[in-house]
Amino acid sequence: MKKRKLKTKSSVKKRFSLTSRGKVIATQSGKRHGMIKRSKSNIRNQRGTTILGKSDSRIVKLYMPYGL
């Protein structure tokens, strides 16, 4: 009997990607609203993407069993 394929979570597929070494890339948090109260330097530092920490990336990798 064949083992069933695991499905990737659709939300993880859209929000995260993997580097060639297997680290998880995510967009910076805290840029949706309330920009007027944040400092200019804070807004600048939150541009682009970031690499998730070890504990967070472990959770994300559970939801993408075959990588992306």
PDB file of N, CA and C in Angstrom:
ATOM      1  N   MET A   1       0.829  -1.174   0.000  1.00  0.00           N
ATOM      2  CA  MET A   1       0.000   0.000   0.000  1.00  0.00           C
ATOM      3  C   MET A   1       0.885   1.253   0.000  1.00  0.00           C
ATOM      4  N   LYS A   2       0.522   2.229  -0.839  1.00  0.00           N
ATOM      5  CA  LYS A   2       1.296   3.463  -0.943  1.00  0.00           C
ATOM      6  C   LYS A   2       1.024   4.377   0.235  1.00  0.00           C
ATOM      7  N   LYS A   3       2.065   5.098   0.642  1.00  0.00           N
ATOM      8  CA  LYS A   3       1.906   6.092   1.696  1.00  0.00           C
ATOM      9  C   LYS A   3       1.303   7.352   1.085  1.00  0.00           C
ATOM     10  N   ARG A   4       0.385   7.969   1.804  1.00  0.00           N
ATOM     11  CA  ARG A   4      -0.306   9.157   1.295  1.00  0.00           C
ATOM     12  C   ARG A   4       0.638  10.353   1.243  1.00  0.00           C
ATOM     13  N   LYS A   5       0.500  11.157   0.191  1.00  0.00           N
ATOM     14  CA  LYS A   5       1.289  12.378   0.084  1.00  0.00           C
ATOM     15  C   LYS A   5       0.804  13.403   1.093  1.00  0.00           C
ATOM     16  N   LEU A   6       1.749  14.151   1.657  1.00  0.00           N
ATOM     17  CA  LEU A   6       1.392  15.206   2.605  1.00  0.00           C
ATOM     18  C   LEU A   6       1.121  16.490   1.844  1.00  0.00           C
ATOM     19  N   LYS A   7       0.119  17.224   2.284  1.00  0.00           N
ATOM     20  CA  LYS A   7      -0.211  18.484   1.622  1.00  0.00           C
ATOM     21  C   LYS A   7       0.518  19.639   2.285  1.00  0.00           C
ATOM     22  N   THR A   8       0.949  20.591   1.461  1.00  0.00           N
ATOM     23  CA  THR A   8       1.545  21.821   1.962  1.00  0.00           C
ATOM     24  C   THR A   8       0.428  22.792   2.327  1.00  0.00           C
ATOM     25  N   LYS A   9       0.574  23.479   3.464  1.00  0.00           N
ATOM     26  CA  LYS A   9      -0.412  24.496   3.848  1.00  0.00           C
ATOM     27  C   LYS A   9      -0.368  25.635   2.836  1.00  0.00           C
ATOM     28  N   SER A  10      -1.518  26.020   2.332  1.00  0.00           N
ATOM     29  CA  SER A  10      -1.586  27.068   1.317  1.00  0.00           C
ATOM     30  C   SER A  10      -1.085  28.407   1.852  1.00  0.00           C
ATOM     31  N   SER A  11      -1.366  28.688   3.120  1.00  0.00           N
ATOM     32  CA  SER A  11      -0.931  29.963   3.691  1.00  0.00           C
ATOM     33  C   SER A  11       0.590  30.040   3.778  1.00  0.00           C
ATOM     34  N   VAL A  12       1.235  28.944   4.089  1.00  0.00           N
ATOM     35  CA  VAL A  12       2.699  28.913   4.180  1.00  0.00           C
ATOM     36  C   VAL A  12       3.315  29.065   2.799  1.00  0.00           C
ATOM     37  N   LYS A  13       2.683  28.469   1.817  1.00  0.00           N
ATOM     38  CA  LYS A  13       3.147  28.557   0.436  1.00  0.00           C
ATOM     39  C   LYS A  13       3.232  30.002  -0.037  1.00  0.00           C
ATOM     40  N   LYS A  14       2.250  30.807   0.405  1.00  0.00           N
ATOM     41  CA  LYS A  14       2.174  32.200  -0.036  1.00  0.00           C
ATOM     42  C   LYS A  14       3.097  33.122   0.759  1.00  0.00           C
ATOM     43  N   ARG A  15       3.384  32.796   2.014  1.00  0.00           N
ATOM     44  CA  ARG A  15       4.067  33.733   2.909  1.00  0.00           C
ATOM     45  C   ARG A  15       5.553  33.496   3.084  1.00  0.00           C
ATOM     46  N   PHE A  16       6.019  32.262   2.861  1.00  0.00           N
ATOM     47  CA  PHE A  16       7.407  31.938   3.149  1.00  0.00           C
ATOM     48  C   PHE A  16       8.087  31.287   1.950  1.00  0.00           C
ATOM     49  N   SER A  17       9.422  31.365   1.933  1.00  0.00           N
ATOM     50  CA  SER A  17      10.199  30.624   0.950  1.00  0.00           C
ATOM     51  C   SER A  17      11.470  30.156   1.617  1.00  0.00           C
ATOM     52  N   LEU A  18      12.175  29.221   0.980  1.00  0.00           N
ATOM     53  CA  LEU A  18      13.379  28.646   1.557  1.00  0.00           C
ATOM     54  C   LEU A  18      14.619  29.091   0.796  1.00  0.00           C
ATOM     55  N   THR A  19      15.722  29.244   1.529  1.00  0.00           N
ATOM     56  CA  THR A  19      17.002  29.499   0.879  1.00  0.00           C
ATOM     57  C   THR A  19      17.576  28.163   0.425  1.00  0.00           C
ATOM     58  N   SER A  20      18.688  28.203  -0.277  1.00  0.00           N
ATOM     59  CA  SER A  20      19.305  26.962  -0.748  1.00  0.00           C
ATOM     60  C   SER A  20      19.825  26.116   0.413  1.00  0.00           C
ATOM     61  N   ARG A  21      20.119  26.755   1.540  1.00  0.00           N
ATOM     62  CA  ARG A  21      20.604  26.033   2.724  1.00  0.00           C
ATOM     63  C   ARG A  21      19.480  25.584   3.640  1.00  0.00           C
ATOM     64  N   GLY A  22      18.219  25.926   3.280  1.00  0.00           N
ATOM     65  CA  GLY A  22      17.078  25.461   4.053  1.00  0.00           C
ATOM     66  C   GLY A  22      16.583  26.421   5.114  1.00  0.00           C
ATOM     67  N   LYS A  23      17.091  27.655   5.104  1.00  0.00           N
ATOM     68  CA  LYS A  23      16.582  28.649   6.044  1.00  0.00           C
ATOM     69  C   LYS A  23      15.289  29.239   5.492  1.00  0.00           C
ATOM     70  N   VAL A  24      14.439  29.739   6.380  1.00  0.00           N
ATOM     71  CA  VAL A  24      13.123  30.242   5.985  1.00  0.00           C
ATOM     72  C   VAL A  24      13.170  31.761   5.842  1.00  0.00           C
ATOM     73  N   ILE A  25      12.735  32.248   4.673  1.00  0.00           N
ATOM     74  CA  ILE A  25      12.668  33.683   4.407  1.00  0.00           C
ATOM     75  C   ILE A  25      11.226  34.142   4.587  1.00  0.00           C
ATOM     76  N   ALA A  26      11.035  35.254   5.304  1.00  0.00           N
ATOM     77  CA  ALA A  26       9.701  35.824   5.518  1.00  0.00           C
ATOM     78  C   ALA A  26       9.772  37.324   5.344  1.00  0.00           C
ATOM     79  N   THR A  27       8.617  37.925   5.065  1.00  0.00           N
ATOM     80  CA  THR A  27       8.578  39.385   4.982  1.00  0.00           C
ATOM     81  C   THR A  27       8.655  39.967   6.391  1.00  0.00           C
ATOM     82  N   GLN A  28       9.130  41.198   6.490  1.00  0.00           N
ATOM     83  CA  GLN A  28       9.264  41.856   7.785  1.00  0.00           C
ATOM     84  C   GLN A  28       7.888  42.101   8.393  1.00  0.00           C
ATOM     85  N   SER A  29       7.799  41.957   9.684  1.00  0.00           N
ATOM     86  CA  SER A  29       6.517  42.196  10.359  1.00  0.00           C
ATOM     87  C   SER A  29       6.428  43.645  10.818  1.00  0.00           C
ATOM     88  N   GLY A  30       5.209  44.082  11.113  1.00  0.00           N
ATOM     89  CA  GLY A  30       4.997  45.405  11.671  1.00  0.00           C
ATOM     90  C   GLY A  30       4.959  46.531  10.663  1.00  0.00           C
ATOM     91  N   LYS A  31       4.508  46.244   9.425  1.00  0.00           N
ATOM     92  CA  LYS A  31       4.460  47.296   8.404  1.00  0.00           C
ATOM     93  C   LYS A  31       3.059  47.465   7.813  1.00  0.00           C
ATOM     94  N   ARG A  32       2.041  46.962   8.462  1.00  0.00           N
ATOM     95  CA  ARG A  32       0.693  46.999   7.901  1.00  0.00           C
ATOM     96  C   ARG A  32      -0.011  48.318   8.159  1.00  0.00           C
ATOM     97  N   HIS A  33       0.056  48.812   9.382  1.00  0.00           N
ATOM     98  CA  HIS A  33      -0.638  50.056   9.724  1.00  0.00           C
ATOM     99  C   HIS A  33       0.082  50.701  10.895  1.00  0.00           C
ATOM    100  N   GLY A  34      -0.288  51.945  11.206  1.00  0.00           N
ATOM    101  CA  GLY A  34       0.321  52.644  12.331  1.00  0.00           C
ATOM    102  C   GLY A  34       1.721  53.142  12.047  1.00  0.00           C
ATOM    103  N   MET A  35       2.020  53.434  10.764  1.00  0.00           N
ATOM    104  CA  MET A  35       3.359  53.883  10.395  1.00  0.00           C
ATOM    105  C   MET A  35       3.696  55.252  10.976  1.00  0.00           C
ATOM    106  N   ILE A  36       2.667  56.052  11.268  1.00  0.00           N
ATOM    107  CA  ILE A  36       2.900  57.421  11.732  1.00  0.00           C
ATOM    108  C   ILE A  36       3.565  57.436  13.113  1.00  0.00           C
ATOM    109  N   LYS A  37       3.331  56.404  13.912  1.00  0.00           N
ATOM    110  CA  LYS A  37       3.962  56.380  15.230  1.00  0.00           C
ATOM    111  C   LYS A  37       5.335  55.720  15.228  1.00  0.00           C
ATOM    112  N   ARG A  38       5.737  55.118  14.130  1.00  0.00           N
ATOM    113  CA  ARG A  38       7.051  54.477  14.064  1.00  0.00           C
ATOM    114  C   ARG A  38       8.090  55.480  13.573  1.00  0.00           C
ATOM    115  N   SER A  39       9.317  55.282  13.994  1.00  0.00           N
ATOM    116  CA  SER A  39      10.386  56.190  13.563  1.00  0.00           C
ATOM    117  C   SER A  39      10.769  55.875  12.120  1.00  0.00           C
ATOM    118  N   LYS A  40      11.368  56.846  11.461  1.00  0.00           N
ATOM    119  CA  LYS A  40      11.780  56.664  10.061  1.00  0.00           C
ATOM    120  C   LYS A  40      12.801  55.545   9.939  1.00  0.00           C
ATOM    121  N   SER A  41      13.709  55.479  10.906  1.00  0.00           N
ATOM    122  CA  SER A  41      14.730  54.433  10.859  1.00  0.00           C
ATOM    123  C   SER A  41      14.116  53.050  11.040  1.00  0.00           C
ATOM    124  N   ASN A  42      13.087  52.961  11.879  1.00  0.00           N
ATOM    125  CA  ASN A  42      12.384  51.699  12.089  1.00  0.00           C
ATOM    126  C   ASN A  42      11.705  51.243  10.796  1.00  0.00           C
ATOM    127  N   ILE A  43      11.056  52.168  10.103  1.00  0.00           N
ATOM    128  CA  ILE A  43      10.377  51.850   8.847  1.00  0.00           C
ATOM    129  C   ILE A  43      11.403  51.392   7.802  1.00  0.00           C
ATOM    130  N   ARG A  44      12.532  52.077   7.745  1.00  0.00           N
ATOM    131  CA  ARG A  44      13.585  51.705   6.794  1.00  0.00           C
ATOM    132  C   ARG A  44      14.131  50.314   7.075  1.00  0.00           C
ATOM    133  N   ASN A  45      14.319  50.003   8.349  1.00  0.00           N
ATOM    134  CA  ASN A  45      14.882  48.698   8.726  1.00  0.00           C
ATOM    135  C   ASN A  45      13.920  47.547   8.462  1.00  0.00           C
ATOM    136  N   GLN A  46      12.644  47.854   8.329  1.00  0.00           N
ATOM    137  CA  GLN A  46      11.657  46.804   8.106  1.00  0.00           C
ATOM    138  C   GLN A  46      11.359  46.558   6.634  1.00  0.00           C
ATOM    139  N   ARG A  47      12.142  47.136   5.746  1.00  0.00           N
ATOM    140  CA  ARG A  47      11.959  46.865   4.316  1.00  0.00           C
ATOM    141  C   ARG A  47      12.424  45.456   3.975  1.00  0.00           C
ATOM    142  N   GLY A  48      11.856  44.918   2.909  1.00  0.00           N
ATOM    143  CA  GLY A  48      12.360  43.660   2.372  1.00  0.00           C
ATOM    144  C   GLY A  48      11.986  42.449   3.201  1.00  0.00           C
ATOM    145  N   THR A  49      12.919  41.499   3.285  1.00  0.00           N
ATOM    146  CA  THR A  49      12.647  40.222   3.942  1.00  0.00           C
ATOM    147  C   THR A  49      13.642  39.988   5.068  1.00  0.00           C
ATOM    148  N   THR A  50      13.366  38.949   5.847  1.00  0.00           N
ATOM    149  CA  THR A  50      14.253  38.566   6.940  1.00  0.00           C
ATOM    150  C   THR A  50      14.291  37.043   7.030  1.00  0.00           C
ATOM    151  N   ILE A  51      15.287  36.518   7.715  1.00  0.00           N
ATOM    152  CA  ILE A  51      15.402  35.074   7.926  1.00  0.00           C
ATOM    153  C   ILE A  51      14.867  34.762   9.319  1.00  0.00           C
ATOM    154  N   LEU A  52      13.962  33.793   9.384  1.00  0.00           N
ATOM    155  CA  LEU A  52      13.334  33.449  10.652  1.00  0.00           C
ATOM    156  C   LEU A  52      14.318  32.752  11.584  1.00  0.00           C
ATOM    157  N   GLY A  53      14.027  32.848  12.877  1.00  0.00           N
ATOM    158  CA  GLY A  53      14.830  32.173  13.891  1.00  0.00           C
ATOM    159  C   GLY A  53      14.596  30.671  13.861  1.00  0.00           C
ATOM    160  N   LYS A  54      15.396  29.972  14.627  1.00  0.00           N
ATOM    161  CA  LYS A  54      15.379  28.507  14.613  1.00  0.00           C
ATOM    162  C   LYS A  54      14.022  27.929  15.030  1.00  0.00           C
ATOM    163  N   SER A  55      13.456  28.450  16.124  1.00  0.00           N
ATOM    164  CA  SER A  55      12.205  27.888  16.642  1.00  0.00           C
ATOM    165  C   SER A  55      11.029  28.185  15.719  1.00  0.00           C
ATOM    166  N   ASP A  56      11.000  29.395  15.147  1.00  0.00           N
ATOM    167  CA  ASP A  56       9.915  29.745  14.224  1.00  0.00           C
ATOM    168  C   ASP A  56      10.028  28.978  12.915  1.00  0.00           C
ATOM    169  N   SER A  57      11.241  28.814  12.429  1.00  0.00           N
ATOM    170  CA  SER A  57      11.415  28.114  11.156  1.00  0.00           C
ATOM    171  C   SER A  57      11.047  26.637  11.277  1.00  0.00           C
ATOM    172  N   ARG A  58      11.223  26.059  12.456  1.00  0.00           N
ATOM    173  CA  ARG A  58      10.843  24.659  12.664  1.00  0.00           C
ATOM    174  C   ARG A  58       9.339  24.484  12.498  1.00  0.00           C
ATOM    175  N   ILE A  59       8.560  25.448  13.007  1.00  0.00           N
ATOM    176  CA  ILE A  59       7.100  25.398  12.890  1.00  0.00           C
ATOM    177  C   ILE A  59       6.682  25.532  11.436  1.00  0.00           C
ATOM    178  N   VAL A  60       7.309  26.468  10.715  1.00  0.00           N
ATOM    179  CA  VAL A  60       6.961  26.703   9.314  1.00  0.00           C
ATOM    180  C   VAL A  60       7.295  25.473   8.474  1.00  0.00           C
ATOM    181  N   LYS A  61       8.417  24.835   8.752  1.00  0.00           N
ATOM    182  CA  LYS A  61       8.837  23.667   7.960  1.00  0.00           C
ATOM    183  C   LYS A  61       7.920  22.467   8.154  1.00  0.00           C
ATOM    184  N   LEU A  62       7.214  22.410   9.296  1.00  0.00           N
ATOM    185  CA  LEU A  62       6.232  21.348   9.491  1.00  0.00           C
ATOM    186  C   LEU A  62       5.114  21.431   8.467  1.00  0.00           C
ATOM    187  N   TYR A  63       4.779  22.667   8.081  1.00  0.00           N
ATOM    188  CA  TYR A  63       3.669  22.884   7.164  1.00  0.00           C
ATOM    189  C   TYR A  63       4.078  22.808   5.695  1.00  0.00           C
ATOM    190  N   MET A  64       5.382  22.744   5.411  1.00  0.00           N
ATOM    191  CA  MET A  64       5.799  22.504   4.032  1.00  0.00           C
ATOM    192  C   MET A  64       6.731  21.292   4.000  1.00  0.00           C
ATOM    193  N   PRO A  65       6.141  20.114   3.919  1.00  0.00           N
ATOM    194  CA  PRO A  65       6.921  18.885   4.073  1.00  0.00           C
ATOM    195  C   PRO A  65       7.943  18.641   2.972  1.00  0.00           C
ATOM    196  N   TYR A  66       7.725  19.144   1.783  1.00  0.00           N
ATOM    197  CA  TYR A  66       8.638  18.883   0.663  1.00  0.00           C
ATOM    198  C   TYR A  66       9.407  20.128   0.274  1.00  0.00           C
ATOM    199  N   GLY A  67       9.370  21.166   1.091  1.00  0.00           N
ATOM    200  CA  GLY A  67      10.013  22.421   0.741  1.00  0.00           C
ATOM    201  C   GLY A  67       9.183  23.153  -0.301  1.00  0.00           C
ATOM    202  N   LEU A  68       9.728  24.229  -0.831  1.00  0.00           N
ATOM    203  CA  LEU A  68       9.022  24.987  -1.870  1.00  0.00           C
ATOM    204  C   LEU A  68       9.927  25.255  -3.043  1.00  0.00           C
TER     205      LEU A  68
END
